[in-house]
Amino acid sequence: MKIIHQEGKLLTDDYIKRFADISYLPKADKNVIFLINYYRNLKSYQFHLVIVEDDGTDIARVMVGTNTYWPFAFFGMFECIDNFDVFEMMMDRAEQLIVSQTHSTLLGPINFNGIHGWMFRFMGNCNDLPNEDLHPSYYTHFFEKSGWSIKERSVSGHVHDHEQRRLTTGVNRINNTMIKNGHKPILLSSLSLDDWVEILYPFILRNFDIHFHKYIPLDFTFFKTLCINFFSQFDDKYCLLGSLHDDRLSSFILSYPVGNANKYTVKTVAVDKRYRWGVPYAWCFKTIACHTEDKYGHVLTWRRTNTKNEGTKRLRKNSKITHQHVCFSKNIDRR
C-alpha cells in the first residue's frame, strides 16, 4: 500500500477526479469536484487530498485542512474500506499534513463547510427509514480504536402518532396568527428561484454561525449556483416554504423525498433570531406535517437535529429516533 496526496492550490484535474471516484456510499456525492474547485481558490482555506492506493486500486480517501474561521483543523469527504490498518495509515498522514499549523484539534467529518454536510450518519434504533446513504458502521469502531472521541451528536427520526395529530390540528388558526403578526407565508412556487436566492442568502448570513452550524459565508454567485442546482430537482411546491416579514425572510423549512421509499423528510428548519421559537417555527412544522400526511401518507419525518438544540427538545421527545449522526475529534500530537 502507498499514500499519495496533493495540496489544494496545486491540485490537478486528473487527481481531483480520481479522488472523487473513490466512494463506498451507494449514493455518492455528485458535488465533490464542484466543491473542491471552489475551495481550492479561496485564500482562507488550506487543504490536502489524501488517497490510499493498494496494488493499483484506490481504497481510501480523505480531505484534511484548515481555514481562517475555525479554531480547529478539519477533515471531510472521508471514504475507507473495512481495514483498520488502511484507516490508521491514512489518518496518521492526515494529522502529519496539518501538524505544522497552529491548530491542536482535528475534527470531522465536515465537507469544507457545514452547509455542504457534516457528521457521519449511522443506523439508530429501527430500520424503517431508507438507508442507502448510511456510512459503514465500522467507521465508529475505527475512530474510537484510534483514540478519537465523539465531539457532537445529532439524531433523525419520525414523530409518534399522537404528535402527528397535535401538529396537524389548528393549522388554520396558526395561519391566521401568522398573517395577523405580519408574516406572509410563501411556497417554492411563490417566487422565482432567483428571487428565493436573494432572500435566502442574507437570512443565512444573519442566522447561521461558524460554531453551531459550522457555516462559513459563501460567495453569492457560488451560493446561487448551489441553490438553483438543488431546487431545480423538485416539483413539489412545498419542498421549500417560508414566511416574509417586512419583505425579509423570517423563516423557512426545507423538505424533500429521501431514498427509494420516497419518505418525505424535513432537512432544515430555520427561523430568524427575532422570532425564535415563536409562531413562524410552529407554522413551519404544522404546515409540513399536514403536507407530509396528505401527499405522502406518513407522519412527519425529520433529519439531523443537533442534540444541543434546546428548541427541538419536544420534537425529539415525541419521536422515534431512527438514525444517529456523529462528529469525531482528536487532539493532535505536536511533538
Protein backbone atom coordinates (compact mmCIF):
# COMPACT_ATOMS: atom_id res chain seq x y z
CA MET A 1 0.00 0.00 0.00
CA LYS A 2 1.08 3.57 -0.56
CA ILE A 3 -0.24 7.01 0.25
CA ILE A 4 -0.30 9.93 -2.15
CA HIS A 5 -1.54 13.45 -1.59
CA GLN A 6 -1.76 16.82 -3.29
CA GLU A 7 -2.06 20.26 -1.74
CA GLY A 8 -5.21 22.19 -2.61
CA LYS A 9 -3.55 25.03 -4.53
CA LEU A 10 -1.54 22.54 -6.62
CA LEU A 11 -4.30 20.05 -7.44
CA THR A 12 -4.55 18.68 -10.95
CA ASP A 13 -7.90 17.96 -12.60
CA ASP A 14 -7.00 14.28 -13.01
CA TYR A 15 -6.19 13.94 -9.32
CA ILE A 16 -9.44 15.64 -8.29
CA LYS A 17 -11.44 13.25 -10.48
CA ARG A 18 -9.52 10.28 -9.10
CA PHE A 19 -10.28 11.43 -5.56
CA ALA A 20 -13.97 11.95 -6.36
CA ASP A 21 -14.30 8.45 -7.86
CA ILE A 22 -13.49 6.73 -4.54
CA SER A 23 -16.84 6.08 -2.87
CA TYR A 24 -18.32 3.31 -0.75
CA LEU A 25 -21.68 5.02 -0.33
CA PRO A 26 -24.23 3.67 -2.83
CA LYS A 27 -25.40 7.27 -3.24
CA ALA A 28 -22.19 9.16 -4.00
CA ASP A 29 -21.99 12.93 -3.57
CA LYS A 30 -22.09 14.42 -7.06
CA ASN A 31 -20.77 17.76 -5.80
CA VAL A 32 -17.28 16.59 -4.76
CA ILE A 33 -15.45 18.03 -7.78
CA PHE A 34 -17.56 21.20 -7.74
CA LEU A 35 -16.77 21.85 -4.07
CA ILE A 36 -13.06 21.11 -4.34
CA ASN A 37 -12.70 23.51 -7.25
CA TYR A 38 -14.40 26.28 -5.29
CA TYR A 39 -12.46 25.94 -2.04
CA ARG A 40 -9.06 25.43 -3.68
CA ASN A 41 -9.28 29.04 -4.90
CA LEU A 42 -10.04 30.60 -1.50
CA LYS A 43 -7.15 32.22 0.36
CA SER A 44 -8.89 31.43 3.65
CA TYR A 45 -8.56 27.65 3.09
CA GLN A 46 -5.57 25.34 3.05
CA PHE A 47 -6.14 21.63 2.50
CA HIS A 48 -4.75 18.38 1.10
CA LEU A 49 -6.48 15.49 -0.67
CA VAL A 50 -5.11 12.14 0.52
CA ILE A 51 -5.54 8.83 -1.31
CA VAL A 52 -4.51 5.32 -0.23
CA GLU A 53 -3.66 3.01 -3.11
CA ASP A 54 -3.18 -0.76 -2.98
CA ASP A 55 -1.84 -2.64 -5.99
CA GLY A 56 -3.17 -0.05 -8.43
CA THR A 57 -6.59 0.29 -6.75
CA ASP A 58 -7.63 3.35 -4.74
CA ILE A 59 -9.14 2.11 -1.48
CA ALA A 60 -9.50 5.17 0.79
CA ARG A 61 -9.56 8.96 0.70
CA VAL A 62 -9.78 11.97 2.99
CA MET A 63 -9.62 15.75 2.69
CA VAL A 64 -7.83 17.48 5.56
CA GLY A 65 -7.20 21.16 6.11
CA THR A 66 -7.63 24.41 7.99
CA ASN A 67 -9.31 27.75 7.42
CA THR A 68 -9.13 31.19 8.97
CA TYR A 69 -12.58 30.87 10.60
CA TRP A 70 -12.47 27.74 12.77
CA PRO A 71 -10.16 27.27 15.77
CA PHE A 72 -9.63 23.63 14.74
CA ALA A 73 -8.35 21.66 11.76
CA PHE A 74 -10.95 19.59 9.92
CA PHE A 75 -11.30 16.53 7.72
CA GLY A 76 -14.06 15.52 5.34
CA MET A 77 -15.01 13.60 2.19
CA PHE A 78 -13.94 10.52 4.10
CA GLU A 79 -14.12 7.07 2.49
CA CYS A 80 -12.35 3.89 3.63
CA ILE A 81 -12.56 0.15 3.10
CA ASP A 82 -13.15 -2.15 6.08
CA ASN A 83 -9.49 -2.36 7.07
CA PHE A 84 -8.20 -0.68 10.23
CA ASP A 85 -4.59 -0.63 9.02
CA VAL A 86 -5.65 1.37 5.97
CA PHE A 87 -7.63 3.77 8.17
CA GLU A 88 -4.76 4.29 10.59
CA MET A 89 -2.22 4.84 7.85
CA MET A 90 -4.39 7.44 6.12
CA MET A 91 -5.41 9.36 9.24
CA ASP A 92 -1.82 9.38 10.56
CA ARG A 93 -0.79 11.04 7.31
CA ALA A 94 -3.71 13.48 7.58
CA GLU A 95 -2.50 14.53 11.04
CA GLN A 96 1.06 14.97 9.77
CA LEU A 97 -0.11 17.25 6.98
CA ILE A 98 -1.67 19.76 9.36
CA VAL A 99 0.52 19.33 12.44
CA SER A 100 2.65 22.32 11.41
CA GLN A 101 -0.41 24.56 11.66
CA THR A 102 -1.40 26.32 14.89
CA HIS A 103 -4.46 24.13 15.49
CA SER A 104 -4.33 21.49 18.22
CA THR A 105 -7.60 19.67 17.38
CA LEU A 106 -8.71 17.76 14.29
CA LEU A 107 -12.50 17.48 13.86
CA GLY A 108 -14.82 15.96 11.30
CA PRO A 109 -16.23 14.96 9.00
CA ILE A 110 -17.03 18.41 7.63
CA ASN A 111 -17.07 18.76 3.87
CA PHE A 112 -15.30 22.14 3.86
CA ASN A 113 -18.38 23.90 5.28
CA GLY A 114 -21.34 22.82 7.38
CA ILE A 115 -23.75 23.82 4.63
CA HIS A 116 -22.38 21.00 2.44
CA GLY A 117 -22.86 18.38 5.10
CA TRP A 118 -21.08 17.22 8.22
CA MET A 119 -21.17 14.27 10.63
CA PHE A 120 -21.29 10.56 9.81
CA ARG A 121 -24.76 9.02 9.62
CA PHE A 122 -25.38 5.62 11.19
CA MET A 123 -28.41 3.43 11.89
CA GLY A 124 -30.23 4.25 15.11
CA ASN A 125 -32.97 2.33 16.88
CA CYS A 126 -35.04 0.99 13.99
CA ASN A 127 -34.79 0.21 10.32
CA ASP A 128 -37.88 1.76 8.78
CA LEU A 129 -36.17 4.64 7.01
CA PRO A 130 -34.27 4.48 3.69
CA ASN A 131 -30.64 3.59 4.41
CA GLU A 132 -28.81 3.97 1.11
CA ASP A 133 -26.84 6.98 2.36
CA LEU A 134 -25.68 5.46 5.65
CA HIS A 135 -21.97 5.40 6.39
CA PRO A 136 -20.45 1.99 7.18
CA SER A 137 -20.83 1.10 10.87
CA TYR A 138 -17.18 0.08 11.12
CA TYR A 139 -16.17 3.75 10.88
CA THR A 140 -17.19 4.24 14.53
CA HIS A 141 -15.02 1.33 15.63
CA PHE A 142 -12.02 2.62 13.66
CA PHE A 143 -12.19 6.13 15.10
CA GLU A 144 -12.71 5.00 18.68
CA LYS A 145 -9.95 2.38 18.46
CA SER A 146 -7.59 5.06 17.16
CA GLY A 147 -8.18 7.39 20.11
CA TRP A 148 -10.83 9.72 18.66
CA SER A 149 -13.81 10.85 20.72
CA ILE A 150 -17.32 11.90 19.73
CA LYS A 151 -17.45 15.69 19.79
CA GLU A 152 -21.01 16.38 18.60
CA ARG A 153 -24.16 14.36 18.02
CA SER A 154 -27.35 14.69 16.02
CA VAL A 155 -30.34 12.43 15.51
CA SER A 156 -33.01 11.73 12.90
CA GLY A 157 -36.46 10.28 13.43
CA HIS A 158 -40.18 10.44 12.85
CA VAL A 159 -42.88 11.70 15.18
CA HIS A 160 -45.20 9.40 17.10
CA ASP A 161 -48.84 9.26 16.01
CA HIS A 162 -50.03 11.42 18.90
CA GLU A 163 -47.53 14.16 17.98
CA GLN A 164 -48.61 13.97 14.33
CA ARG A 165 -52.21 14.55 15.42
CA ARG A 166 -51.14 17.55 17.51
CA LEU A 167 -49.14 19.03 14.63
CA THR A 168 -51.98 18.68 12.14
CA THR A 169 -54.52 20.30 14.48
CA GLY A 170 -55.14 24.06 14.43
CA VAL A 171 -53.41 24.77 11.13
CA ASN A 172 -55.95 27.42 10.07
CA ARG A 173 -55.54 29.13 13.43
CA ILE A 174 -51.74 29.27 13.10
CA ASN A 175 -52.07 30.60 9.54
CA ASN A 176 -54.33 33.41 10.75
CA THR A 177 -51.96 34.21 13.62
CA MET A 178 -49.03 34.36 11.18
CA ILE A 179 -50.83 36.89 8.98
CA LYS A 180 -52.02 38.89 11.98
CA ASN A 181 -48.39 39.15 13.19
CA GLY A 182 -47.20 40.40 9.80
CA HIS A 183 -45.74 37.16 8.42
CA LYS A 184 -46.65 36.31 4.83
CA PRO A 185 -46.44 32.56 4.01
CA ILE A 186 -44.67 31.68 0.73
CA LEU A 187 -44.08 28.43 -1.16
CA LEU A 188 -41.32 27.43 -3.58
CA SER A 189 -43.67 28.33 -6.43
CA SER A 190 -44.48 31.76 -4.94
CA LEU A 191 -41.17 33.20 -6.18
CA SER A 192 -38.68 32.53 -8.93
CA LEU A 193 -35.58 30.60 -7.88
CA ASP A 194 -33.53 33.77 -8.39
CA ASP A 195 -35.80 35.67 -6.00
CA TRP A 196 -35.65 32.86 -3.44
CA VAL A 197 -31.86 33.01 -3.50
CA GLU A 198 -31.96 36.79 -2.98
CA ILE A 199 -33.83 36.39 0.32
CA LEU A 200 -32.19 33.14 1.47
CA TYR A 201 -28.64 34.47 1.21
CA PRO A 202 -28.92 37.34 3.74
CA PHE A 203 -31.14 35.20 6.02
CA ILE A 204 -28.43 32.54 6.30
CA LEU A 205 -25.75 35.18 6.87
CA ARG A 206 -27.82 36.59 9.76
CA ASN A 207 -28.79 33.33 11.40
CA PHE A 208 -26.18 30.63 10.67
CA ASP A 209 -22.85 30.79 12.50
CA ILE A 210 -19.40 29.21 12.41
CA HIS A 211 -19.78 27.40 15.75
CA PHE A 212 -23.22 25.77 15.97
CA HIS A 213 -23.85 25.36 12.24
CA LYS A 214 -20.18 25.19 11.15
CA TYR A 215 -21.24 27.64 8.44
CA ILE A 216 -18.63 29.68 6.56
CA PRO A 217 -20.08 32.55 4.45
CA LEU A 218 -20.16 31.70 0.75
CA ASP A 219 -19.64 33.91 -2.26
CA PHE A 220 -23.11 34.90 -3.51
CA THR A 221 -22.58 33.56 -7.03
CA PHE A 222 -21.47 30.19 -5.70
CA PHE A 223 -24.38 30.10 -3.22
CA LYS A 224 -26.81 30.88 -6.05
CA THR A 225 -25.44 28.08 -8.22
CA LEU A 226 -25.75 25.59 -5.35
CA CYS A 227 -29.35 26.61 -4.63
CA ILE A 228 -30.59 26.60 -8.21
CA ASN A 229 -28.95 23.24 -8.97
CA PHE A 230 -30.52 21.78 -5.83
CA PHE A 231 -34.04 23.19 -6.02
CA SER A 232 -34.36 22.53 -9.74
CA GLN A 233 -34.62 18.81 -8.87
CA PHE A 234 -38.01 19.19 -7.17
CA ASP A 235 -41.52 19.74 -8.48
CA ASP A 236 -43.21 19.71 -5.06
CA LYS A 237 -44.01 23.35 -4.27
CA TYR A 238 -43.82 22.56 -0.54
CA CYS A 239 -40.19 21.39 -0.64
CA LEU A 240 -39.21 24.95 0.25
CA LEU A 241 -41.64 27.15 2.11
CA GLY A 242 -41.17 30.11 4.37
CA SER A 243 -42.51 33.43 5.55
CA LEU A 244 -41.77 37.08 4.86
CA HIS A 245 -41.90 39.89 7.40
CA ASP A 246 -41.30 43.44 6.14
CA ASP A 247 -40.09 41.87 2.86
CA ARG A 248 -37.38 39.92 4.69
CA LEU A 249 -37.39 36.17 5.13
CA SER A 250 -38.46 35.36 8.70
CA SER A 251 -38.45 31.54 8.45
CA PHE A 252 -38.02 28.67 6.03
CA ILE A 253 -38.30 24.88 6.03
CA LEU A 254 -36.64 22.58 3.52
CA SER A 255 -38.17 19.12 2.92
CA TYR A 256 -37.92 16.57 0.13
CA PRO A 257 -38.39 12.84 -0.66
CA VAL A 258 -35.48 10.69 0.53
CA GLY A 259 -34.49 7.26 -0.73
CA ASN A 260 -36.24 4.56 -2.68
CA ALA A 261 -39.16 4.60 -0.23
CA ASN A 262 -39.74 8.30 -1.01
CA LYS A 263 -40.02 9.23 2.66
CA TYR A 264 -40.75 12.96 2.66
CA THR A 265 -38.20 14.30 5.12
CA VAL A 266 -37.60 17.66 6.80
CA LYS A 267 -33.94 18.56 6.28
CA THR A 268 -33.71 22.12 7.64
CA VAL A 269 -35.93 24.39 9.72
CA ALA A 270 -34.66 27.92 10.34
CA VAL A 271 -36.35 30.89 12.00
CA ASP A 272 -34.92 34.39 12.24
CA LYS A 273 -33.45 35.13 15.67
CA ARG A 274 -36.12 37.78 16.27
CA TYR A 275 -38.93 35.19 16.18
CA ARG A 276 -37.30 32.03 17.52
CA TRP A 277 -39.12 29.79 18.78
CA GLY A 278 -42.40 31.54 18.13
CA VAL A 279 -45.27 31.43 15.67
CA PRO A 280 -43.20 31.04 12.45
CA TYR A 281 -41.47 28.00 13.94
CA ALA A 282 -44.80 26.33 14.84
CA TRP A 283 -46.25 27.26 11.44
CA CYS A 284 -43.35 25.60 9.58
CA PHE A 285 -43.81 22.29 11.38
CA LYS A 286 -47.60 22.26 11.28
CA THR A 287 -47.72 23.10 7.58
CA ILE A 288 -45.21 20.46 6.54
CA ALA A 289 -46.75 17.82 8.85
CA CYS A 290 -50.09 18.27 7.07
CA HIS A 291 -48.47 18.15 3.64
CA THR A 292 -46.46 15.03 4.52
CA GLU A 293 -49.58 13.20 5.67
CA ASP A 294 -51.85 14.40 2.84
CA LYS A 295 -49.47 13.80 -0.08
CA TYR A 296 -47.12 11.07 1.13
CA GLY A 297 -49.29 9.23 3.63
CA HIS A 298 -46.93 9.13 6.60
CA VAL A 299 -46.10 11.09 9.73
CA LEU A 300 -43.62 13.94 9.91
CA THR A 301 -40.11 12.63 9.31
CA TRP A 302 -37.08 14.75 10.14
CA ARG A 303 -33.35 14.53 9.68
CA ARG A 304 -30.29 15.52 11.69
CA THR A 305 -31.35 17.69 14.59
CA ASN A 306 -28.41 18.61 16.80
CA THR A 307 -28.92 17.32 20.34
CA LYS A 308 -27.62 20.66 21.68
CA ASN A 309 -30.62 22.41 20.13
CA GLU A 310 -32.97 23.15 23.04
CA GLY A 311 -35.71 24.39 20.70
CA THR A 312 -36.26 20.93 19.21
CA LYS A 313 -36.36 19.09 22.54
CA ARG A 314 -40.12 18.44 22.20
CA LEU A 315 -39.64 17.10 18.67
CA ARG A 316 -37.02 14.61 19.85
CA LYS A 317 -39.02 13.63 22.93
CA ASN A 318 -42.12 12.84 20.85
CA SER A 319 -40.37 10.94 18.06
CA LYS A 320 -38.89 7.57 17.36
CA ILE A 321 -35.15 8.07 16.82
CA THR A 322 -34.07 6.21 13.70
CA HIS A 323 -30.54 7.42 12.98
CA GLN A 324 -27.52 8.74 14.85
CA HIS A 325 -25.10 11.32 13.45
CA VAL A 326 -21.68 11.87 14.99
CA CYS A 327 -18.69 14.14 14.59
CA PHE A 328 -15.30 12.94 15.89
CA SER A 329 -12.38 14.94 17.29
CA LYS A 330 -8.82 14.22 18.32
CA ASN A 331 -6.05 16.21 19.94
CA ILE A 332 -3.12 16.46 17.56
CA ASP A 333 0.26 15.34 18.86
CA ARG A 334 2.52 18.33 18.20
CA ARG A 335 5.77 16.87 19.48
